[in-house]
Every structure is written in structure tokens, then in C-alpha cells.
């Protein structure tokens, strides 16, 4: 996955969602606040995409049931 910055959507222990922005060499650049709704985190992704051009979006919450 080297060569491409990415935005990861993750779930916190309290089941809220948050973003992690990582550089092309997998270094964490930013960890966002938590969001109660999917719409909140999607708005944050949209804002981050204005700063980071053509990032890979990785949703780590898909397929995980708890």
C-alpha cells in the first residue's frame, strides 16, 4: 500500500466512529474526534479529502459485528 495516503474509518471501544489519516509510509498523521453517526464520520472524510488529494479510503468497520 506504499505510495498512497489513506483515510481509515475505525470504531472506538464506545462504538462511536473516528478517522485515522495515515501517510504513504503508514505513519499516523491524525486521529479525529469520535462521531456518534455514520453521517458525522462521512462528513469528516469529505472534509479530509479536500486536504489530502486522492486518498485511499479504508473502512475497518465493515463486516465486524459486536
C-alpha atoms as a PDB file:
ATOM      1  CA  UNK A   1       0.000   0.000   0.000  1.00  0.00           C
ATOM      2  CA  UNK A   2       3.053   2.224  -0.144  1.00  0.00           C
ATOM      3  CA  UNK A   3       2.764   5.353  -2.221  1.00  0.00           C
ATOM      4  CA  UNK A   4      -0.772   6.343  -1.288  1.00  0.00           C
ATOM      5  CA  UNK A   5      -2.072   8.294   1.704  1.00  0.00           C
ATOM      6  CA  UNK A   6      -5.175   6.830   3.262  1.00  0.00           C
ATOM      7  CA  UNK A   7      -8.108   7.688   5.467  1.00  0.00           C
ATOM      8  CA  UNK A   8      -9.225   4.874   7.746  1.00  0.00           C
ATOM      9  CA  UNK A   9     -12.626   4.720   9.412  1.00  0.00           C
ATOM     10  CA  UNK A  10     -12.478   2.872  12.723  1.00  0.00           C
ATOM     11  CA  UNK A  11     -14.772   2.058  15.636  1.00  0.00           C
ATOM     12  CA  UNK A  12     -13.818   3.071  19.186  1.00  0.00           C
ATOM     13  CA  UNK A  13     -14.484   0.923  22.269  1.00  0.00           C
ATOM     14  CA  UNK A  14     -17.590   3.025  22.971  1.00  0.00           C
ATOM     15  CA  UNK A  15     -18.841   2.008  19.465  1.00  0.00           C
ATOM     16  CA  UNK A  16     -18.530   5.514  18.054  1.00  0.00           C
ATOM     17  CA  UNK A  17     -16.671   6.106  14.788  1.00  0.00           C
ATOM     18  CA  UNK A  18     -13.439   8.021  14.198  1.00  0.00           C
ATOM     19  CA  UNK A  19     -10.903   8.717  11.451  1.00  0.00           C
ATOM     20  CA  UNK A  20      -7.226   7.986  11.261  1.00  0.00           C
ATOM     21  CA  UNK A  21      -5.215   9.605   8.484  1.00  0.00           C
ATOM     22  CA  UNK A  22      -2.025   7.757   7.576  1.00  0.00           C
ATOM     23  CA  UNK A  23       0.794   8.728   5.245  1.00  0.00           C
ATOM     24  CA  UNK A  24       2.022   6.614   2.356  1.00  0.00           C
ATOM     25  CA  UNK A  25       4.663   5.062   4.633  1.00  0.00           C
ATOM     26  CA  UNK A  26       1.998   4.066   7.230  1.00  0.00           C
ATOM     27  CA  UNK A  27       2.784   6.814   9.770  1.00  0.00           C
ATOM     28  CA  UNK A  28      -0.248   8.120  11.659  1.00  0.00           C
ATOM     29  CA  UNK A  29      -0.792  11.790  10.825  1.00  0.00           C
ATOM     30  CA  UNK A  30      -4.115  12.476  12.503  1.00  0.00           C
ATOM     31  CA  UNK A  31      -6.624  10.830  14.796  1.00  0.00           C
ATOM     32  CA  UNK A  32     -10.030  12.545  14.828  1.00  0.00           C
ATOM     33  CA  UNK A  33     -12.649  13.026  17.479  1.00  0.00           C
ATOM     34  CA  UNK A  34     -15.372  10.371  17.704  1.00  0.00           C
ATOM     35  CA  UNK A  35     -18.683  10.642  15.884  1.00  0.00           C
ATOM     36  CA  UNK A  36     -21.995   9.154  17.008  1.00  0.00           C
ATOM     37  CA  UNK A  37     -23.335   8.639  13.494  1.00  0.00           C
ATOM     38  CA  UNK A  38     -22.099   7.319  10.161  1.00  0.00           C
ATOM     39  CA  UNK A  39     -23.145  10.656   8.634  1.00  0.00           C
ATOM     40  CA  UNK A  40     -20.813  12.510  11.012  1.00  0.00           C
ATOM     41  CA  UNK A  41     -17.780  10.454  10.066  1.00  0.00           C
ATOM     42  CA  UNK A  42     -18.661  10.664   6.344  1.00  0.00           C
ATOM     43  CA  UNK A  43     -18.725  14.470   6.638  1.00  0.00           C
ATOM     44  CA  UNK A  44     -15.274  14.336   8.245  1.00  0.00           C
ATOM     45  CA  UNK A  45     -13.992  12.119   5.410  1.00  0.00           C
ATOM     46  CA  UNK A  46     -15.340  14.603   2.874  1.00  0.00           C
ATOM     47  CA  UNK A  47     -13.516  17.453   4.644  1.00  0.00           C
ATOM     48  CA  UNK A  48     -10.270  15.459   4.849  1.00  0.00           C
ATOM     49  CA  UNK A  49     -10.450  14.699   1.116  1.00  0.00           C
ATOM     50  CA  UNK A  50     -10.239  18.445   0.440  1.00  0.00           C
ATOM     51  CA  UNK A  51      -6.797  18.461   2.066  1.00  0.00           C
ATOM     52  CA  UNK A  52      -5.495  15.038   1.017  1.00  0.00           C
ATOM     53  CA  UNK A  53      -5.808  14.568  -2.726  1.00  0.00           C
ATOM     54  CA  UNK A  54      -6.968  11.141  -3.955  1.00  0.00           C
ATOM     55  CA  UNK A  55      -6.575   9.190  -0.705  1.00  0.00           C
ATOM     56  CA  UNK A  56      -7.430   5.530  -0.373  1.00  0.00           C
ATOM     57  CA  UNK A  57     -10.487   5.168   1.890  1.00  0.00           C
ATOM     58  CA  UNK A  58     -10.367   2.117   4.182  1.00  0.00           C
ATOM     59  CA  UNK A  59     -13.463   1.299   6.244  1.00  0.00           C
ATOM     60  CA  UNK A  60     -12.376  -1.003   9.060  1.00  0.00           C
ATOM     61  CA  UNK A  61     -15.920  -1.176  10.459  1.00  0.00           C
ATOM     62  CA  UNK A  62     -17.410  -3.219   7.611  1.00  0.00           C
ATOM     63  CA  UNK A  63     -18.102  -6.847   8.456  1.00  0.00           C
ATOM     64  CA  UNK A  64     -17.388  -6.502  12.184  1.00  0.00           C
ATOM     65  CA  UNK A  65     -20.353  -7.346  14.371  1.00  0.00           C
ATOM     66  CA  UNK A  66     -20.370  -6.685  18.114  1.00  0.00           C
END
